[in-house]
Amino acid sequence: MKVPDTKDNLMRCICMNCPTHNDCMKERKQGLFCARTKSDCEFEKQGCICGECPVAADYRLSRMYYCEIGGE
Protein backbone atom coordinates (compact mmCIF):
# COMPACT_ATOMS: atom_id res chain seq x y z
CA MET A 1 0.00 0.00 0.00
CA LYS A 2 1.37 3.42 -0.95
CA VAL A 3 2.13 5.66 2.01
CA PRO A 4 0.69 9.17 1.64
CA ASP A 5 3.23 11.97 2.01
CA THR A 6 1.30 13.89 4.65
CA LYS A 7 2.21 16.11 7.59
CA ASP A 8 0.65 13.56 9.97
CA ASN A 9 2.83 10.74 8.60
CA LEU A 10 5.90 12.98 8.73
CA MET A 11 5.19 13.80 12.40
CA ARG A 12 5.00 10.07 13.24
CA CYS A 13 8.04 9.18 11.12
CA ILE A 14 11.04 7.82 13.04
CA CYS A 15 13.64 8.03 10.24
CA MET A 16 15.51 10.76 12.11
CA ASN A 17 16.12 8.35 15.01
CA CYS A 18 17.55 5.63 12.78
CA PRO A 19 21.23 4.76 13.21
CA THR A 20 21.65 4.97 9.42
CA HIS A 21 20.19 8.51 9.22
CA ASN A 22 23.34 10.60 8.86
CA ASP A 23 24.36 14.27 8.89
CA CYS A 24 23.79 14.63 5.15
CA MET A 25 20.20 13.43 5.51
CA LYS A 26 19.69 15.72 8.49
CA GLU A 27 21.09 18.75 6.63
CA ARG A 28 18.78 18.04 3.69
CA LYS A 29 15.83 17.41 6.03
CA GLN A 30 15.25 13.98 4.53
CA GLY A 31 12.88 11.47 6.07
CA LEU A 32 9.62 9.63 5.49
CA PHE A 33 11.46 7.62 2.86
CA CYS A 34 8.63 5.04 2.71
CA ALA A 35 6.36 7.74 1.23
CA ARG A 36 9.01 9.65 -0.66
CA THR A 37 12.04 8.70 -2.66
CA LYS A 38 15.29 7.19 -1.50
CA SER A 39 18.03 9.39 -0.10
CA ASP A 40 20.50 11.00 -2.45
CA CYS A 41 23.09 11.05 0.36
CA GLU A 42 25.88 8.53 0.59
CA PHE A 43 25.57 6.41 3.72
CA GLU A 44 26.63 3.20 5.39
CA LYS A 45 23.99 0.88 6.74
CA GLN A 46 24.21 1.16 10.52
CA GLY A 47 20.98 -0.63 11.37
CA CYS A 48 17.35 -0.10 10.42
CA ILE A 49 14.33 0.74 12.56
CA CYS A 50 11.68 0.71 9.82
CA GLY A 51 10.09 -2.30 11.50
CA GLU A 52 9.43 -0.20 14.62
CA CYS A 53 7.85 2.72 12.78
CA PRO A 54 4.16 3.46 13.39
CA VAL A 55 3.80 4.65 9.78
CA ALA A 56 5.18 1.34 8.50
CA ALA A 57 2.83 -0.55 10.82
CA ASP A 58 -0.24 1.45 9.72
CA TYR A 59 0.47 0.72 6.05
CA ARG A 60 1.67 -2.85 6.63
CA LEU A 61 5.08 -2.23 5.11
CA SER A 62 7.43 -5.17 5.16
CA ARG A 63 10.68 -3.88 3.72
CA MET A 64 13.62 -2.24 5.43
CA TYR A 65 16.03 0.55 4.46
CA TYR A 66 13.52 2.77 2.64
CA CYS A 67 16.29 5.38 2.63
CA GLU A 68 18.03 3.07 0.14
CA ILE A 69 15.07 1.81 -1.90
CA GLY A 70 12.48 4.59 -1.68
CA GLY A 71 8.73 4.20 -1.19
CA GLU A 72 6.78 1.03 -1.84
C-alpha atoms as a PDB file:
ATOM      1  CA  MET A   1       0.000   0.000   0.000  1.00  0.00           C
ATOM      2  CA  LYS A   2       1.375   3.423  -0.947  1.00  0.00           C
ATOM      3  CA  VAL A   3       2.130   5.658   2.013  1.00  0.00           C
ATOM      4  CA  PRO A   4       0.694   9.173   1.645  1.00  0.00           C
ATOM      5  CA  ASP A   5       3.229  11.972   2.006  1.00  0.00           C
ATOM      6  CA  THR A   6       1.298  13.892   4.647  1.00  0.00           C
ATOM      7  CA  LYS A   7       2.215  16.114   7.588  1.00  0.00           C
ATOM      8  CA  ASP A   8       0.655  13.563   9.965  1.00  0.00           C
ATOM      9  CA  ASN A   9       2.829  10.742   8.602  1.00  0.00           C
ATOM     10  CA  LEU A  10       5.897  12.977   8.733  1.00  0.00           C
ATOM     11  CA  MET A  11       5.188  13.796  12.398  1.00  0.00           C
ATOM     12  CA  ARG A  12       5.002  10.068  13.243  1.00  0.00           C
ATOM     13  CA  CYS A  13       8.036   9.176  11.117  1.00  0.00           C
ATOM     14  CA  ILE A  14      11.042   7.824  13.040  1.00  0.00           C
ATOM     15  CA  CYS A  15      13.639   8.031  10.244  1.00  0.00           C
ATOM     16  CA  MET A  16      15.507  10.760  12.110  1.00  0.00           C
ATOM     17  CA  ASN A  17      16.120   8.349  15.009  1.00  0.00           C
ATOM     18  CA  CYS A  18      17.550   5.629  12.777  1.00  0.00           C
ATOM     19  CA  PRO A  19      21.232   4.762  13.215  1.00  0.00           C
ATOM     20  CA  THR A  20      21.653   4.967   9.419  1.00  0.00           C
ATOM     21  CA  HIS A  21      20.187   8.509   9.223  1.00  0.00           C
ATOM     22  CA  ASN A  22      23.338  10.602   8.865  1.00  0.00           C
ATOM     23  CA  ASP A  23      24.362  14.269   8.891  1.00  0.00           C
ATOM     24  CA  CYS A  24      23.786  14.631   5.147  1.00  0.00           C
ATOM     25  CA  MET A  25      20.202  13.427   5.512  1.00  0.00           C
ATOM     26  CA  LYS A  26      19.689  15.725   8.495  1.00  0.00           C
ATOM     27  CA  GLU A  27      21.090  18.749   6.627  1.00  0.00           C
ATOM     28  CA  ARG A  28      18.779  18.042   3.686  1.00  0.00           C
ATOM     29  CA  LYS A  29      15.830  17.407   6.034  1.00  0.00           C
ATOM     30  CA  GLN A  30      15.249  13.981   4.532  1.00  0.00           C
ATOM     31  CA  GLY A  31      12.879  11.474   6.069  1.00  0.00           C
ATOM     32  CA  LEU A  32       9.616   9.632   5.489  1.00  0.00           C
ATOM     33  CA  PHE A  33      11.457   7.618   2.856  1.00  0.00           C
ATOM     34  CA  CYS A  34       8.635   5.040   2.707  1.00  0.00           C
ATOM     35  CA  ALA A  35       6.364   7.744   1.233  1.00  0.00           C
ATOM     36  CA  ARG A  36       9.010   9.648  -0.664  1.00  0.00           C
ATOM     37  CA  THR A  37      12.039   8.697  -2.658  1.00  0.00           C
ATOM     38  CA  LYS A  38      15.293   7.190  -1.498  1.00  0.00           C
ATOM     39  CA  SER A  39      18.025   9.386  -0.095  1.00  0.00           C
ATOM     40  CA  ASP A  40      20.501  11.003  -2.451  1.00  0.00           C
ATOM     41  CA  CYS A  41      23.094  11.046   0.356  1.00  0.00           C
ATOM     42  CA  GLU A  42      25.884   8.526   0.591  1.00  0.00           C
ATOM     43  CA  PHE A  43      25.567   6.407   3.718  1.00  0.00           C
ATOM     44  CA  GLU A  44      26.627   3.198   5.387  1.00  0.00           C
ATOM     45  CA  LYS A  45      23.986   0.877   6.744  1.00  0.00           C
ATOM     46  CA  GLN A  46      24.210   1.162  10.523  1.00  0.00           C
ATOM     47  CA  GLY A  47      20.980  -0.627  11.372  1.00  0.00           C
ATOM     48  CA  CYS A  48      17.354  -0.096  10.423  1.00  0.00           C
ATOM     49  CA  ILE A  49      14.326   0.736  12.561  1.00  0.00           C
ATOM     50  CA  CYS A  50      11.677   0.714   9.818  1.00  0.00           C
ATOM     51  CA  GLY A  51      10.090  -2.298  11.502  1.00  0.00           C
ATOM     52  CA  GLU A  52       9.431  -0.202  14.620  1.00  0.00           C
ATOM     53  CA  CYS A  53       7.853   2.725  12.778  1.00  0.00           C
ATOM     54  CA  PRO A  54       4.160   3.465  13.391  1.00  0.00           C
ATOM     55  CA  VAL A  55       3.797   4.648   9.778  1.00  0.00           C
ATOM     56  CA  ALA A  56       5.185   1.343   8.499  1.00  0.00           C
ATOM     57  CA  ALA A  57       2.833  -0.547  10.822  1.00  0.00           C
ATOM     58  CA  ASP A  58      -0.235   1.447   9.716  1.00  0.00           C
ATOM     59  CA  TYR A  59       0.466   0.718   6.055  1.00  0.00           C
ATOM     60  CA  ARG A  60       1.671  -2.851   6.631  1.00  0.00           C
ATOM     61  CA  LEU A  61       5.081  -2.233   5.115  1.00  0.00           C
ATOM     62  CA  SER A  62       7.426  -5.175   5.161  1.00  0.00           C
ATOM     63  CA  ARG A  63      10.676  -3.883   3.722  1.00  0.00           C
ATOM     64  CA  MET A  64      13.616  -2.244   5.430  1.00  0.00           C
ATOM     65  CA  TYR A  65      16.027   0.552   4.465  1.00  0.00           C
ATOM     66  CA  TYR A  66      13.523   2.769   2.641  1.00  0.00           C
ATOM     67  CA  CYS A  67      16.293   5.376   2.629  1.00  0.00           C
ATOM     68  CA  GLU A  68      18.032   3.075   0.140  1.00  0.00           C
ATOM     69  CA  ILE A  69      15.071   1.805  -1.900  1.00  0.00           C
ATOM     70  CA  GLY A  70      12.481   4.595  -1.683  1.00  0.00           C
ATOM     71  CA  GLY A  71       8.735   4.198  -1.192  1.00  0.00           C
ATOM     72  CA  GLU A  72       6.780   1.027  -1.838  1.00  0.00           C
END
